[in-house]
Amino acid sequence: MREETVSRILNVERDATLLYEDARREAAQIVAAAQTAVAQQRKQALAAMRQKAAQILAQGRQAADSQRADVIAHAGADAQTLETVSARHFADAVTLVLDQVTGRA
């Protein structure tokens, strides 16, 4: 082979090697950038899910507090009603006993 042909072949081989190395570096940069983007998206998604979970928890607590207040209010009203009925029955029982003792009945 002629020296010029050998030189051209070596130049083409060198250029191919440089292109290969450039492509490999660029691919590594793309992979690193993608990994960074994925990590950032993961952090953002995790933060959003934590915020949503906190919101759901707060809503659940608020609903539970509201229901508890309703139950306590109804229980208080029921207790007042029972106390009133009980006092009336007690008064009726006392009157009955007094009537029995005094001979009015």
C-alpha atoms as a PDB file:
ATOM      1  CA  MET A   1       0.000   0.000   0.000  1.00  0.00           C
ATOM      2  CA  ARG A   2       1.030   3.429  -0.559  1.00  0.00           C
ATOM      3  CA  GLU A   3       1.971   5.631   2.312  1.00  0.00           C
ATOM      4  CA  GLU A   4      -0.799   8.084   1.457  1.00  0.00           C
ATOM      5  CA  THR A   5      -3.458   5.347   1.607  1.00  0.00           C
ATOM      6  CA  VAL A   6      -2.133   4.090   4.928  1.00  0.00           C
ATOM      7  CA  SER A   7      -2.154   7.642   6.274  1.00  0.00           C
ATOM      8  CA  ARG A   8      -5.771   8.124   5.148  1.00  0.00           C
ATOM      9  CA  ILE A   9      -6.819   4.859   6.756  1.00  0.00           C
ATOM     10  CA  LEU A  10      -5.120   5.855  10.006  1.00  0.00           C
ATOM     11  CA  ASN A  11      -6.793   9.288   9.895  1.00  0.00           C
ATOM     12  CA  VAL A  12     -10.205   7.710   9.302  1.00  0.00           C
ATOM     13  CA  GLU A  13      -9.584   5.291  12.169  1.00  0.00           C
ATOM     14  CA  ARG A  14      -8.509   8.157  14.447  1.00  0.00           C
ATOM     15  CA  ASP A  15     -11.586  10.213  13.450  1.00  0.00           C
ATOM     16  CA  ALA A  16     -13.824   7.206  14.089  1.00  0.00           C
ATOM     17  CA  THR A  17     -12.245   6.693  17.504  1.00  0.00           C
ATOM     18  CA  LEU A  18     -12.752  10.394  18.358  1.00  0.00           C
ATOM     19  CA  LEU A  19     -16.380  10.230  17.195  1.00  0.00           C
ATOM     20  CA  TYR A  20     -16.911   7.083  19.262  1.00  0.00           C
ATOM     21  CA  GLU A  21     -15.406   8.717  22.377  1.00  0.00           C
ATOM     22  CA  ASP A  22     -17.485  11.886  21.845  1.00  0.00           C
ATOM     23  CA  ALA A  23     -20.631   9.806  21.441  1.00  0.00           C
ATOM     24  CA  ARG A  24     -19.783   7.814  24.559  1.00  0.00           C
ATOM     25  CA  ARG A  25     -19.218  11.013  26.607  1.00  0.00           C
ATOM     26  CA  GLU A  26     -22.429  12.538  25.280  1.00  0.00           C
ATOM     27  CA  ALA A  27     -24.362   9.368  26.119  1.00  0.00           C
ATOM     28  CA  ALA A  28     -22.918   9.423  29.645  1.00  0.00           C
ATOM     29  CA  GLN A  29     -23.967  13.073  30.029  1.00  0.00           C
ATOM     30  CA  ILE A  30     -27.469  12.276  28.783  1.00  0.00           C
ATOM     31  CA  VAL A  31     -27.759   9.374  31.232  1.00  0.00           C
ATOM     32  CA  ALA A  32     -26.494  11.562  34.106  1.00  0.00           C
ATOM     33  CA  ALA A  33     -28.925  14.344  33.196  1.00  0.00           C
ATOM     34  CA  ALA A  34     -31.784  11.846  32.994  1.00  0.00           C
ATOM     35  CA  GLN A  35     -30.870  10.388  36.388  1.00  0.00           C
ATOM     36  CA  THR A  36     -30.774  13.884  37.893  1.00  0.00           C
ATOM     37  CA  ALA A  37     -34.144  14.736  36.349  1.00  0.00           C
ATOM     38  CA  VAL A  38     -35.670  11.488  37.599  1.00  0.00           C
ATOM     39  CA  ALA A  39     -34.320  12.098  41.104  1.00  0.00           C
ATOM     40  CA  GLN A  40     -35.761  15.625  41.088  1.00  0.00           C
ATOM     41  CA  GLN A  41     -39.136  14.388  39.829  1.00  0.00           C
ATOM     42  CA  ARG A  42     -39.125  11.685  42.498  1.00  0.00           C
ATOM     43  CA  LYS A  43     -38.459  14.280  45.204  1.00  0.00           C
ATOM     44  CA  GLN A  44     -41.244  16.486  43.875  1.00  0.00           C
ATOM     45  CA  ALA A  45     -43.692  13.580  43.642  1.00  0.00           C
ATOM     46  CA  LEU A  46     -42.785  12.451  47.154  1.00  0.00           C
ATOM     47  CA  ALA A  47     -43.277  15.975  48.511  1.00  0.00           C
ATOM     48  CA  ALA A  48     -46.626  16.249  46.732  1.00  0.00           C
ATOM     49  CA  MET A  49     -47.757  12.877  48.114  1.00  0.00           C
ATOM     50  CA  ARG A  50     -46.683  13.856  51.629  1.00  0.00           C
ATOM     51  CA  GLN A  51     -48.599  17.104  51.321  1.00  0.00           C
ATOM     52  CA  LYS A  52     -51.670  15.250  50.027  1.00  0.00           C
ATOM     53  CA  ALA A  53     -51.412  12.718  52.872  1.00  0.00           C
ATOM     54  CA  ALA A  54     -51.195  15.548  55.408  1.00  0.00           C
ATOM     55  CA  GLN A  55     -54.237  17.176  53.830  1.00  0.00           C
ATOM     56  CA  ILE A  56     -56.227  13.930  53.921  1.00  0.00           C
ATOM     57  CA  LEU A  57     -55.195  13.376  57.543  1.00  0.00           C
ATOM     58  CA  ALA A  58     -56.259  16.905  58.492  1.00  0.00           C
ATOM     59  CA  GLN A  59     -59.613  16.432  56.750  1.00  0.00           C
ATOM     60  CA  GLY A  60     -60.093  13.118  58.562  1.00  0.00           C
ATOM     61  CA  ARG A  61     -59.313  14.714  61.906  1.00  0.00           C
ATOM     62  CA  GLN A  62     -61.682  17.564  61.167  1.00  0.00           C
ATOM     63  CA  ALA A  63     -64.465  15.147  60.232  1.00  0.00           C
ATOM     64  CA  ALA A  64     -63.801  13.052  63.353  1.00  0.00           C
ATOM     65  CA  ASP A  65     -63.839  16.158  65.559  1.00  0.00           C
ATOM     66  CA  SER A  66     -67.114  17.254  63.989  1.00  0.00           C
ATOM     67  CA  GLN A  67     -68.703  13.844  64.512  1.00  0.00           C
ATOM     68  CA  ARG A  68     -67.407  13.693  68.080  1.00  0.00           C
ATOM     69  CA  ALA A  69     -68.906  17.137  68.790  1.00  0.00           C
ATOM     70  CA  ASP A  70     -72.246  15.969  67.345  1.00  0.00           C
ATOM     71  CA  VAL A  71     -72.186  12.800  69.461  1.00  0.00           C
ATOM     72  CA  ILE A  72     -71.345  14.775  72.599  1.00  0.00           C
ATOM     73  CA  ALA A  73     -74.102  17.306  71.865  1.00  0.00           C
ATOM     74  CA  HIS A  74     -76.663  14.544  71.307  1.00  0.00           C
ATOM     75  CA  ALA A  75     -75.498  12.687  74.396  1.00  0.00           C
ATOM     76  CA  GLY A  76     -75.839  15.863  76.437  1.00  0.00           C
ATOM     77  CA  ALA A  77     -79.334  16.468  75.096  1.00  0.00           C
ATOM     78  CA  ASP A  78     -80.296  12.830  75.744  1.00  0.00           C
ATOM     79  CA  ALA A  79     -78.890  13.027  79.271  1.00  0.00           C
ATOM     80  CA  GLN A  80     -80.877  16.216  79.931  1.00  0.00           C
ATOM     81  CA  THR A  81     -84.041  14.561  78.623  1.00  0.00           C
ATOM     82  CA  LEU A  82     -83.453  11.477  80.791  1.00  0.00           C
ATOM     83  CA  GLU A  83     -82.789  13.671  83.812  1.00  0.00           C
ATOM     84  CA  THR A  84     -86.035  15.581  83.242  1.00  0.00           C
ATOM     85  CA  VAL A  85     -88.028  12.359  82.780  1.00  0.00           C
ATOM     86  CA  SER A  86     -86.313  10.800  85.796  1.00  0.00           C
ATOM     87  CA  ALA A  87     -87.100  13.832  87.974  1.00  0.00           C
ATOM     88  CA  ARG A  88     -90.743  13.699  86.880  1.00  0.00           C
ATOM     89  CA  HIS A  89     -90.944   9.955  87.635  1.00  0.00           C
ATOM     90  CA  PHE A  90     -89.248  10.506  90.979  1.00  0.00           C
ATOM     91  CA  ALA A  91     -91.752  13.252  91.847  1.00  0.00           C
ATOM     92  CA  ASP A  92     -94.604  10.952  90.806  1.00  0.00           C
ATOM     93  CA  ALA A  93     -93.145   8.132  92.928  1.00  0.00           C
ATOM     94  CA  VAL A  94     -92.786  10.419  95.967  1.00  0.00           C
ATOM     95  CA  THR A  95     -96.367  11.609  95.554  1.00  0.00           C
ATOM     96  CA  LEU A  96     -97.557   8.011  95.275  1.00  0.00           C
ATOM     97  CA  VAL A  97     -95.654   6.973  98.414  1.00  0.00           C
ATOM     98  CA  LEU A  98     -96.921   9.997 100.342  1.00  0.00           C
ATOM     99  CA  ASP A  99    -100.463   9.288  99.211  1.00  0.00           C
ATOM    100  CA  GLN A 100    -100.059   5.674 100.352  1.00  0.00           C
ATOM    101  CA  VAL A 101     -98.632   6.707 103.722  1.00  0.00           C
ATOM    102  CA  THR A 102    -101.230   9.381 104.353  1.00  0.00           C
ATOM    103  CA  GLY A 103    -104.033   7.163 103.191  1.00  0.00           C
ATOM    104  CA  ARG A 104    -105.136   9.342 100.292  1.00  0.00           C
ATOM    105  CA  ALA A 105    -104.862   6.626  97.760  1.00  0.00           C
END
